[in-house]
Amino acid sequence: QIQEILIDALDQGRFVQITGRNGNK
């Protein structure tokens, strides 16, 4: 059920943006 929630949101997108922190570039 939790992963279905994530997939429903992802399927609305054209892109996914991923960024790092704590020194991760």
mmCIF file of all heavy atoms, coordinates in Angstrom:
data_MODEL
# 
_entry.id   MODEL 
# 
loop_
_atom_site.group_PDB 
_atom_site.id 
_atom_site.type_symbol 
_atom_site.label_atom_id 
_atom_site.label_alt_id 
_atom_site.label_comp_id 
_atom_site.label_asym_id 
_atom_site.label_entity_id 
_atom_site.label_seq_id 
_atom_site.pdbx_PDB_ins_code 
_atom_site.Cartn_x 
_atom_site.Cartn_y 
_atom_site.Cartn_z 
_atom_site.occupancy 
_atom_site.B_iso_or_equiv 
_atom_site.pdbx_formal_charge 
_atom_site.auth_seq_id 
_atom_site.auth_comp_id 
_atom_site.auth_asym_id 
_atom_site.auth_atom_id 
_atom_site.pdbx_PDB_model_num 
ATOM 1   N N   . GLN A 1 1  ? 0.822  -1.209 0.000   1.00 0.00 ? 1  GLN A N   1 
ATOM 2   C CA  . GLN A 1 1  ? 0.000  0.000  0.000   1.00 0.00 ? 1  GLN A CA  1 
ATOM 3   C C   . GLN A 1 1  ? 0.860  1.265  0.000   1.00 0.00 ? 1  GLN A C   1 
ATOM 4   O O   . GLN A 1 1  ? 0.573  2.231  -0.719  1.00 0.00 ? 1  GLN A O   1 
ATOM 5   C CB  . GLN A 1 1  ? -0.935 -0.017 1.212   1.00 0.00 ? 1  GLN A CB  1 
ATOM 6   C CG  . GLN A 1 1  ? -1.972 -1.122 1.157   1.00 0.00 ? 1  GLN A CG  1 
ATOM 7   C CD  . GLN A 1 1  ? -2.698 -1.324 2.484   1.00 0.00 ? 1  GLN A CD  1 
ATOM 8   O OE1 . GLN A 1 1  ? -2.649 -0.467 3.357   1.00 0.00 ? 1  GLN A OE1 1 
ATOM 9   N NE2 . GLN A 1 1  ? -3.366 -2.462 2.628   1.00 0.00 ? 1  GLN A NE2 1 
ATOM 10  N N   . ILE A 1 2  ? 1.922  1.264  0.822   1.00 0.00 ? 2  ILE A N   1 
ATOM 11  C CA  . ILE A 1 2  ? 2.791  2.447  0.879   1.00 0.00 ? 2  ILE A CA  1 
ATOM 12  C C   . ILE A 1 2  ? 3.452  2.690  -0.468  1.00 0.00 ? 2  ILE A C   1 
ATOM 13  O O   . ILE A 1 2  ? 3.520  3.829  -0.966  1.00 0.00 ? 2  ILE A O   1 
ATOM 14  C CB  . ILE A 1 2  ? 3.853  2.268  1.979   1.00 0.00 ? 2  ILE A CB  1 
ATOM 15  C CG1 . ILE A 1 2  ? 3.212  2.279  3.363   1.00 0.00 ? 2  ILE A CG1 1 
ATOM 16  C CG2 . ILE A 1 2  ? 4.925  3.361  1.881   1.00 0.00 ? 2  ILE A CG2 1 
ATOM 17  C CD1 . ILE A 1 2  ? 4.148  1.897  4.495   1.00 0.00 ? 2  ILE A CD1 1 
ATOM 18  N N   . GLN A 1 3  ? 3.935  1.636  -1.083  1.00 0.00 ? 3  GLN A N   1 
ATOM 19  C CA  . GLN A 1 3  ? 4.635  1.786  -2.358  1.00 0.00 ? 3  GLN A CA  1 
ATOM 20  C C   . GLN A 1 3  ? 3.675  2.160  -3.483  1.00 0.00 ? 3  GLN A C   1 
ATOM 21  O O   . GLN A 1 3  ? 4.072  2.835  -4.437  1.00 0.00 ? 3  GLN A O   1 
ATOM 22  C CB  . GLN A 1 3  ? 5.445  0.525  -2.658  1.00 0.00 ? 3  GLN A CB  1 
ATOM 23  C CG  . GLN A 1 3  ? 6.609  0.381  -1.674  1.00 0.00 ? 3  GLN A CG  1 
ATOM 24  C CD  . GLN A 1 3  ? 7.491  -0.839 -1.880  1.00 0.00 ? 3  GLN A CD  1 
ATOM 25  O OE1 . GLN A 1 3  ? 8.480  -0.994 -1.189  1.00 0.00 ? 3  GLN A OE1 1 
ATOM 26  N NE2 . GLN A 1 3  ? 7.161  -1.722 -2.805  1.00 0.00 ? 3  GLN A NE2 1 
ATOM 27  N N   . GLU A 1 4  ? 2.404  1.757  -3.373  1.00 0.00 ? 4  GLU A N   1 
ATOM 28  C CA  . GLU A 1 4  ? 1.406  2.201  -4.349  1.00 0.00 ? 4  GLU A CA  1 
ATOM 29  C C   . GLU A 1 4  ? 1.220  3.714  -4.279  1.00 0.00 ? 4  GLU A C   1 
ATOM 30  O O   . GLU A 1 4  ? 1.038  4.377  -5.306  1.00 0.00 ? 4  GLU A O   1 
ATOM 31  C CB  . GLU A 1 4  ? 0.063  1.495  -4.109  1.00 0.00 ? 4  GLU A CB  1 
ATOM 32  C CG  . GLU A 1 4  ? 0.009  0.080  -4.664  1.00 0.00 ? 4  GLU A CG  1 
ATOM 33  C CD  . GLU A 1 4  ? -1.317 -0.620 -4.376  1.00 0.00 ? 4  GLU A CD  1 
ATOM 34  O OE1 . GLU A 1 4  ? -2.207 0.025  -3.770  1.00 0.00 ? 4  GLU A OE1 1 
ATOM 35  O OE2 . GLU A 1 4  ? -1.452 -1.791 -4.753  1.00 0.00 ? 4  GLU A OE2 1 
ATOM 36  N N   . ILE A 1 5  ? 1.291  4.283  -3.066  1.00 0.00 ? 5  ILE A N   1 
ATOM 37  C CA  . ILE A 1 5  ? 1.185  5.734  -2.905  1.00 0.00 ? 5  ILE A CA  1 
ATOM 38  C C   . ILE A 1 5  ? 2.344  6.426  -3.614  1.00 0.00 ? 5  ILE A C   1 
ATOM 39  O O   . ILE A 1 5  ? 2.163  7.425  -4.327  1.00 0.00 ? 5  ILE A O   1 
ATOM 40  C CB  . ILE A 1 5  ? 1.158  6.112  -1.404  1.00 0.00 ? 5  ILE A CB  1 
ATOM 41  C CG1 . ILE A 1 5  ? -0.127 5.588  -0.751  1.00 0.00 ? 5  ILE A CG1 1 
ATOM 42  C CG2 . ILE A 1 5  ? 1.279  7.623  -1.220  1.00 0.00 ? 5  ILE A CG2 1 
ATOM 43  C CD1 . ILE A 1 5  ? -0.133 5.696  0.767   1.00 0.00 ? 5  ILE A CD1 1 
ATOM 44  N N   . LEU A 1 6  ? 3.558  5.902  -3.426  1.00 0.00 ? 6  LEU A N   1 
ATOM 45  C CA  . LEU A 1 6  ? 4.725  6.478  -4.088  1.00 0.00 ? 6  LEU A CA  1 
ATOM 46  C C   . LEU A 1 6  ? 4.602  6.373  -5.611  1.00 0.00 ? 6  LEU A C   1 
ATOM 47  O O   . LEU A 1 6  ? 4.887  7.336  -6.342  1.00 0.00 ? 6  LEU A O   1 
ATOM 48  C CB  . LEU A 1 6  ? 5.997  5.761  -3.631  1.00 0.00 ? 6  LEU A CB  1 
ATOM 49  C CG  . LEU A 1 6  ? 6.469  6.029  -2.201  1.00 0.00 ? 6  LEU A CG  1 
ATOM 50  C CD1 . LEU A 1 6  ? 7.586  5.059  -1.826  1.00 0.00 ? 6  LEU A CD1 1 
ATOM 51  C CD2 . LEU A 1 6  ? 6.962  7.468  -2.056  1.00 0.00 ? 6  LEU A CD2 1 
ATOM 52  N N   . ILE A 1 7  ? 4.162  5.222  -6.091  1.00 0.00 ? 7  ILE A N   1 
ATOM 53  C CA  . ILE A 1 7  ? 4.044  5.014  -7.537  1.00 0.00 ? 7  ILE A CA  1 
ATOM 54  C C   . ILE A 1 7  ? 2.991  5.935  -8.137  1.00 0.00 ? 7  ILE A C   1 
ATOM 55  O O   . ILE A 1 7  ? 3.190  6.506  -9.220  1.00 0.00 ? 7  ILE A O   1 
ATOM 56  C CB  . ILE A 1 7  ? 3.734  3.533  -7.843  1.00 0.00 ? 7  ILE A CB  1 
ATOM 57  C CG1 . ILE A 1 7  ? 4.953  2.663  -7.503  1.00 0.00 ? 7  ILE A CG1 1 
ATOM 58  C CG2 . ILE A 1 7  ? 3.346  3.347  -9.307  1.00 0.00 ? 7  ILE A CG2 1 
ATOM 59  C CD1 . ILE A 1 7  ? 4.700  1.171  -7.593  1.00 0.00 ? 7  ILE A CD1 1 
ATOM 60  N N   . ASP A 1 8  ? 1.873  6.117  -7.444  1.00 0.00 ? 8  ASP A N   1 
ATOM 61  C CA  . ASP A 1 8  ? 0.827  7.014  -7.951  1.00 0.00 ? 8  ASP A CA  1 
ATOM 62  C C   . ASP A 1 8  ? 1.364  8.429  -8.134  1.00 0.00 ? 8  ASP A C   1 
ATOM 63  O O   . ASP A 1 8  ? 1.019  9.120  -9.102  1.00 0.00 ? 8  ASP A O   1 
ATOM 64  C CB  . ASP A 1 8  ? -0.375 7.024  -6.997  1.00 0.00 ? 8  ASP A CB  1 
ATOM 65  C CG  . ASP A 1 8  ? -1.195 5.748  -7.091  1.00 0.00 ? 8  ASP A CG  1 
ATOM 66  O OD1 . ASP A 1 8  ? -1.022 5.008  -8.076  1.00 0.00 ? 8  ASP A OD1 1 
ATOM 67  O OD2 . ASP A 1 8  ? -1.995 5.485  -6.175  1.00 0.00 ? 8  ASP A OD2 1 
ATOM 68  N N   . ALA A 1 9  ? 2.216  8.874  -7.206  1.00 0.00 ? 9  ALA A N   1 
ATOM 69  C CA  . ALA A 1 9  ? 2.814  10.205 -7.326  1.00 0.00 ? 9  ALA A CA  1 
ATOM 70  C C   . ALA A 1 9  ? 3.842  10.234 -8.463  1.00 0.00 ? 9  ALA A C   1 
ATOM 71  O O   . ALA A 1 9  ? 3.882  11.176 -9.264  1.00 0.00 ? 9  ALA A O   1 
ATOM 72  C CB  . ALA A 1 9  ? 3.462  10.607 -6.006  1.00 0.00 ? 9  ALA A CB  1 
ATOM 73  N N   . LEU A 1 10 ? 4.674  9.204  -8.534  1.00 0.00 ? 10 LEU A N   1 
ATOM 74  C CA  . LEU A 1 10 ? 5.706  9.150  -9.579  1.00 0.00 ? 10 LEU A CA  1 
ATOM 75  C C   . LEU A 1 10 ? 5.093  9.122  -10.974 1.00 0.00 ? 10 LEU A C   1 
ATOM 76  O O   . LEU A 1 10 ? 5.633  9.728  -11.909 1.00 0.00 ? 10 LEU A O   1 
ATOM 77  C CB  . LEU A 1 10 ? 6.590  7.922  -9.364  1.00 0.00 ? 10 LEU A CB  1 
ATOM 78  C CG  . LEU A 1 10 ? 7.566  7.994  -8.192  1.00 0.00 ? 10 LEU A CG  1 
ATOM 79  C CD1 . LEU A 1 10 ? 8.020  6.604  -7.763  1.00 0.00 ? 10 LEU A CD1 1 
ATOM 80  C CD2 . LEU A 1 10 ? 8.795  8.851  -8.575  1.00 0.00 ? 10 LEU A CD2 1 
ATOM 81  N N   . ASP A 1 11 ? 3.956  8.445  -11.121 1.00 0.00 ? 11 ASP A N   1 
ATOM 82  C CA  . ASP A 1 11 ? 3.330  8.322  -12.432 1.00 0.00 ? 11 ASP A CA  1 
ATOM 83  C C   . ASP A 1 11 ? 2.719  9.629  -12.929 1.00 0.00 ? 11 ASP A C   1 
ATOM 84  O O   . ASP A 1 11 ? 2.304  9.719  -14.087 1.00 0.00 ? 11 ASP A O   1 
ATOM 85  C CB  . ASP A 1 11 ? 2.271  7.218  -12.413 1.00 0.00 ? 11 ASP A CB  1 
ATOM 86  C CG  . ASP A 1 11 ? 2.877  5.828  -12.543 1.00 0.00 ? 11 ASP A CG  1 
ATOM 87  O OD1 . ASP A 1 11 ? 4.042  5.721  -12.974 1.00 0.00 ? 11 ASP A OD1 1 
ATOM 88  O OD2 . ASP A 1 11 ? 2.183  4.843  -12.205 1.00 0.00 ? 11 ASP A OD2 1 
ATOM 89  N N   . GLN A 1 12 ? 2.675  10.627 -12.066 1.00 0.00 ? 12 GLN A N   1 
ATOM 90  C CA  . GLN A 1 12 ? 2.202  11.949 -12.496 1.00 0.00 ? 12 GLN A CA  1 
ATOM 91  C C   . GLN A 1 12 ? 3.320  12.769 -13.126 1.00 0.00 ? 12 GLN A C   1 
ATOM 92  O O   . GLN A 1 12 ? 3.084  13.843 -13.681 1.00 0.00 ? 12 GLN A O   1 
ATOM 93  C CB  . GLN A 1 12 ? 1.624  12.722 -11.306 1.00 0.00 ? 12 GLN A CB  1 
ATOM 94  C CG  . GLN A 1 12 ? 0.400  12.090 -10.678 1.00 0.00 ? 12 GLN A CG  1 
ATOM 95  C CD  . GLN A 1 12 ? -0.095 12.882 -9.484  1.00 0.00 ? 12 GLN A CD  1 
ATOM 96  O OE1 . GLN A 1 12 ? -0.290 14.107 -9.570  1.00 0.00 ? 12 GLN A OE1 1 
ATOM 97  N NE2 . GLN A 1 12 ? -0.299 12.204 -8.369  1.00 0.00 ? 12 GLN A NE2 1 
ATOM 98  N N   . GLY A 1 13 ? 4.548  12.284 -13.026 1.00 0.00 ? 13 GLY A N   1 
ATOM 99  C CA  . GLY A 1 13 ? 5.697  13.090 -13.415 1.00 0.00 ? 13 GLY A CA  1 
ATOM 100 C C   . GLY A 1 13 ? 6.229  12.819 -14.799 1.00 0.00 ? 13 GLY A C   1 
ATOM 101 O O   . GLY A 1 13 ? 6.018  11.755 -15.389 1.00 0.00 ? 13 GLY A O   1 
ATOM 102 N N   . ARG A 1 14 ? 6.931  13.821 -15.305 1.00 0.00 ? 14 ARG A N   1 
ATOM 103 C CA  . ARG A 1 14 ? 7.720  13.643 -16.511 1.00 0.00 ? 14 ARG A CA  1 
ATOM 104 C C   . ARG A 1 14 ? 9.176  13.403 -16.145 1.00 0.00 ? 14 ARG A C   1 
ATOM 105 O O   . ARG A 1 14 ? 9.898  12.697 -16.834 1.00 0.00 ? 14 ARG A O   1 
ATOM 106 C CB  . ARG A 1 14 ? 7.612  14.881 -17.390 1.00 0.00 ? 14 ARG A CB  1 
ATOM 107 C CG  . ARG A 1 14 ? 8.573  14.816 -18.565 1.00 0.00 ? 14 ARG A CG  1 
ATOM 108 C CD  . ARG A 1 14 ? 8.123  15.556 -19.774 1.00 0.00 ? 14 ARG A CD  1 
ATOM 109 N NE  . ARG A 1 14 ? 9.050  15.373 -20.866 1.00 0.00 ? 14 ARG A NE  1 
ATOM 110 C CZ  . ARG A 1 14 ? 9.278  16.289 -21.805 1.00 0.00 ? 14 ARG A CZ  1 
ATOM 111 N NH1 . ARG A 1 14 ? 8.657  17.440 -21.759 1.00 0.00 ? 14 ARG A NH1 1 
ATOM 112 N NH2 . ARG A 1 14 ? 10.121 16.031 -22.786 1.00 0.00 ? 14 ARG A NH2 1 
ATOM 113 N N   . PHE A 1 15 ? 9.607  14.023 -15.032 1.00 0.00 ? 15 PHE A N   1 
ATOM 114 C CA  . PHE A 1 15 ? 10.964 13.853 -14.531 1.00 0.00 ? 15 PHE A CA  1 
ATOM 115 C C   . PHE A 1 15 ? 10.922 13.563 -13.039 1.00 0.00 ? 15 PHE A C   1 
ATOM 116 O O   . PHE A 1 15 ? 9.940  13.855 -12.363 1.00 0.00 ? 15 PHE A O   1 
ATOM 117 C CB  . PHE A 1 15 ? 11.801 15.132 -14.747 1.00 0.00 ? 15 PHE A CB  1 
ATOM 118 C CG  . PHE A 1 15 ? 12.005 15.527 -16.168 1.00 0.00 ? 15 PHE A CG  1 
ATOM 119 C CD1 . PHE A 1 15 ? 11.158 16.447 -16.774 1.00 0.00 ? 15 PHE A CD1 1 
ATOM 120 C CD2 . PHE A 1 15 ? 13.060 15.004 -16.908 1.00 0.00 ? 15 PHE A CD2 1 
ATOM 121 C CE1 . PHE A 1 15 ? 11.349 16.833 -18.083 1.00 0.00 ? 15 PHE A CE1 1 
ATOM 122 C CE2 . PHE A 1 15 ? 13.261 15.396 -18.231 1.00 0.00 ? 15 PHE A CE2 1 
ATOM 123 C CZ  . PHE A 1 15 ? 12.401 16.307 -18.819 1.00 0.00 ? 15 PHE A CZ  1 
ATOM 124 N N   . VAL A 1 16 ? 12.038 13.004 -12.535 1.00 0.00 ? 16 VAL A N   1 
ATOM 125 C CA  . VAL A 1 16 ? 12.274 12.939 -11.091 1.00 0.00 ? 16 VAL A CA  1 
ATOM 126 C C   . VAL A 1 16 ? 13.631 13.594 -10.844 1.00 0.00 ? 16 VAL A C   1 
ATOM 127 O O   . VAL A 1 16 ? 14.607 13.295 -11.543 1.00 0.00 ? 16 VAL A O   1 
ATOM 128 C CB  . VAL A 1 16 ? 12.284 11.486 -10.569 1.00 0.00 ? 16 VAL A CB  1 
ATOM 129 C CG1 . VAL A 1 16 ? 12.517 11.476 -9.057  1.00 0.00 ? 16 VAL A CG1 1 
ATOM 130 C CG2 . VAL A 1 16 ? 10.973 10.786 -10.899 1.00 0.00 ? 16 VAL A CG2 1 
ATOM 131 N N   . GLN A 1 17 ? 13.655 14.491 -9.855  1.00 0.00 ? 17 GLN A N   1 
ATOM 132 C CA  . GLN A 1 17 ? 14.893 15.176 -9.505  1.00 0.00 ? 17 GLN A CA  1 
ATOM 133 C C   . GLN A 1 17 ? 15.420 14.625 -8.191  1.00 0.00 ? 17 GLN A C   1 
ATOM 134 O O   . GLN A 1 17 ? 14.667 14.501 -7.220  1.00 0.00 ? 17 GLN A O   1 
ATOM 135 C CB  . GLN A 1 17 ? 14.651 16.684 -9.382  1.00 0.00 ? 17 GLN A CB  1 
ATOM 136 C CG  . GLN A 1 17 ? 15.913 17.499 -9.180  1.00 0.00 ? 17 GLN A CG  1 
ATOM 137 C CD  . GLN A 1 17 ? 15.631 18.989 -9.193  1.00 0.00 ? 17 GLN A CD  1 
ATOM 138 O OE1 . GLN A 1 17 ? 14.709 19.459 -8.537  1.00 0.00 ? 17 GLN A OE1 1 
ATOM 139 N NE2 . GLN A 1 17 ? 16.423 19.733 -9.949  1.00 0.00 ? 17 GLN A NE2 1 
ATOM 140 N N   . ILE A 1 18 ? 16.711 14.296 -8.163  1.00 0.00 ? 18 ILE A N   1 
ATOM 141 C CA  . ILE A 1 18 ? 17.340 13.735 -6.963  1.00 0.00 ? 18 ILE A CA  1 
ATOM 142 C C   . ILE A 1 18 ? 18.546 14.606 -6.616  1.00 0.00 ? 18 ILE A C   1 
ATOM 143 O O   . ILE A 1 18 ? 19.404 14.865 -7.470  1.00 0.00 ? 18 ILE A O   1 
ATOM 144 C CB  . ILE A 1 18 ? 17.801 12.277 -7.196  1.00 0.00 ? 18 ILE A CB  1 
ATOM 145 C CG1 . ILE A 1 18 ? 16.629 11.415 -7.678  1.00 0.00 ? 18 ILE A CG1 1 
ATOM 146 C CG2 . ILE A 1 18 ? 18.403 11.695 -5.923  1.00 0.00 ? 18 ILE A CG2 1 
ATOM 147 C CD1 . ILE A 1 18 ? 16.567 11.251 -9.198  1.00 0.00 ? 18 ILE A CD1 1 
ATOM 148 N N   . THR A 1 19 ? 18.599 15.073 -5.372  1.00 0.00 ? 19 THR A N   1 
ATOM 149 C CA  . THR A 1 19 ? 19.726 15.905 -4.931  1.00 0.00 ? 19 THR A CA  1 
ATOM 150 C C   . THR A 1 19 ? 20.282 15.372 -3.621  1.00 0.00 ? 19 THR A C   1 
ATOM 151 O O   . THR A 1 19 ? 19.570 14.753 -2.822  1.00 0.00 ? 19 THR A O   1 
ATOM 152 C CB  . THR A 1 19 ? 19.298 17.372 -4.738  1.00 0.00 ? 19 THR A CB  1 
ATOM 153 O OG1 . THR A 1 19 ? 18.186 17.433 -3.837  1.00 0.00 ? 19 THR A OG1 1 
ATOM 154 C CG2 . THR A 1 19 ? 18.903 18.006 -6.061  1.00 0.00 ? 19 THR A CG2 1 
ATOM 155 N N   . GLY A 1 20 ? 21.570 15.623 -3.404  1.00 0.00 ? 20 GLY A N   1 
ATOM 156 C CA  . GLY A 1 20 ? 22.244 15.149 -2.203  1.00 0.00 ? 20 GLY A CA  1 
ATOM 157 C C   . GLY A 1 20 ? 22.436 16.246 -1.175  1.00 0.00 ? 20 GLY A C   1 
ATOM 158 O O   . GLY A 1 20 ? 22.176 17.425 -1.428  1.00 0.00 ? 20 GLY A O   1 
ATOM 159 N N   . ARG A 1 21 ? 22.906 15.862 0.004   1.00 0.00 ? 21 ARG A N   1 
ATOM 160 C CA  . ARG A 1 21 ? 23.208 16.794 1.101   1.00 0.00 ? 21 ARG A CA  1 
ATOM 161 C C   . ARG A 1 21 ? 24.377 16.237 1.905   1.00 0.00 ? 21 ARG A C   1 
ATOM 162 O O   . ARG A 1 21 ? 24.882 15.157 1.620   1.00 0.00 ? 21 ARG A O   1 
ATOM 163 C CB  . ARG A 1 21 ? 21.986 16.977 2.014   1.00 0.00 ? 21 ARG A CB  1 
ATOM 164 C CG  . ARG A 1 21 ? 21.562 15.686 2.694   1.00 0.00 ? 21 ARG A CG  1 
ATOM 165 C CD  . ARG A 1 21 ? 20.471 15.886 3.714   1.00 0.00 ? 21 ARG A CD  1 
ATOM 166 N NE  . ARG A 1 21 ? 20.060 14.599 4.271   1.00 0.00 ? 21 ARG A NE  1 
ATOM 167 C CZ  . ARG A 1 21 ? 19.711 14.409 5.524   1.00 0.00 ? 21 ARG A CZ  1 
ATOM 168 N NH1 . ARG A 1 21 ? 19.693 15.425 6.372   1.00 0.00 ? 21 ARG A NH1 1 
ATOM 169 N NH2 . ARG A 1 21 ? 19.355 13.208 5.947   1.00 0.00 ? 21 ARG A NH2 1 
ATOM 170 N N   . ASN A 1 22 ? 24.780 16.977 2.946   1.00 0.00 ? 22 ASN A N   1 
ATOM 171 C CA  . ASN A 1 22 ? 25.896 16.560 3.799   1.00 0.00 ? 22 ASN A CA  1 
ATOM 172 C C   . ASN A 1 22 ? 27.147 16.212 2.985   1.00 0.00 ? 22 ASN A C   1 
ATOM 173 O O   . ASN A 1 22 ? 27.815 15.214 3.230   1.00 0.00 ? 22 ASN A O   1 
ATOM 174 C CB  . ASN A 1 22 ? 25.495 15.356 4.673   1.00 0.00 ? 22 ASN A CB  1 
ATOM 175 C CG  . ASN A 1 22 ? 24.419 15.706 5.686   1.00 0.00 ? 22 ASN A CG  1 
ATOM 176 O OD1 . ASN A 1 22 ? 24.267 16.866 6.061   1.00 0.00 ? 22 ASN A OD1 1 
ATOM 177 N ND2 . ASN A 1 22 ? 23.674 14.705 6.133   1.00 0.00 ? 22 ASN A ND2 1 
ATOM 178 N N   . GLY A 1 23 ? 27.443 17.059 2.009   1.00 0.00 ? 23 GLY A N   1 
ATOM 179 C CA  . GLY A 1 23 ? 28.618 16.838 1.182   1.00 0.00 ? 23 GLY A CA  1 
ATOM 180 C C   . GLY A 1 23 ? 28.385 15.982 -0.043  1.00 0.00 ? 23 GLY A C   1 
ATOM 181 O O   . GLY A 1 23 ? 29.284 15.830 -0.873  1.00 0.00 ? 23 GLY A O   1 
ATOM 182 N N   . ASN A 1 24 ? 27.192 15.407 -0.175  1.00 0.00 ? 24 ASN A N   1 
ATOM 183 C CA  . ASN A 1 24 ? 26.890 14.597 -1.351  1.00 0.00 ? 24 ASN A CA  1 
ATOM 184 C C   . ASN A 1 24 ? 26.535 15.516 -2.516  1.00 0.00 ? 24 ASN A C   1 
ATOM 185 O O   . ASN A 1 24 ? 25.631 16.338 -2.414  1.00 0.00 ? 24 ASN A O   1 
ATOM 186 C CB  . ASN A 1 24 ? 25.741 13.630 -1.067  1.00 0.00 ? 24 ASN A CB  1 
ATOM 187 C CG  . ASN A 1 24 ? 25.508 12.655 -2.210  1.00 0.00 ? 24 ASN A CG  1 
ATOM 188 O OD1 . ASN A 1 24 ? 25.179 13.047 -3.320  1.00 0.00 ? 24 ASN A OD1 1 
ATOM 189 N ND2 . ASN A 1 24 ? 25.682 11.370 -1.940  1.00 0.00 ? 24 ASN A ND2 1 
ATOM 190 N N   . LYS A 1 25 ? 27.245 15.362 -3.643  1.00 0.00 ? 25 LYS A N   1 
ATOM 191 C CA  . LYS A 1 25 ? 27.101 16.272 -4.778  1.00 0.00 ? 25 LYS A CA  1 
ATOM 192 C C   . LYS A 1 25 ? 26.080 15.798 -5.812  1.00 0.00 ? 25 LYS A C   1 
ATOM 193 O O   . LYS A 1 25 ? 25.996 16.365 -6.906  1.00 0.00 ? 25 LYS A O   1 
ATOM 194 C CB  . LYS A 1 25 ? 28.462 16.446 -5.456  1.00 0.00 ? 25 LYS A CB  1 
ATOM 195 C CG  . LYS A 1 25 ? 29.505 17.094 -4.559  1.00 0.00 ? 25 LYS A CG  1 
ATOM 196 C CD  . LYS A 1 25 ? 30.792 17.376 -5.309  1.00 0.00 ? 25 LYS A CD  1 
ATOM 197 C CE  . LYS A 1 25 ? 31.564 16.120 -5.592  1.00 0.00 ? 25 LYS A CE  1 
ATOM 198 N NZ  . LYS A 1 25 ? 32.888 16.391 -6.220  1.00 0.00 ? 25 LYS A NZ  1 
# 
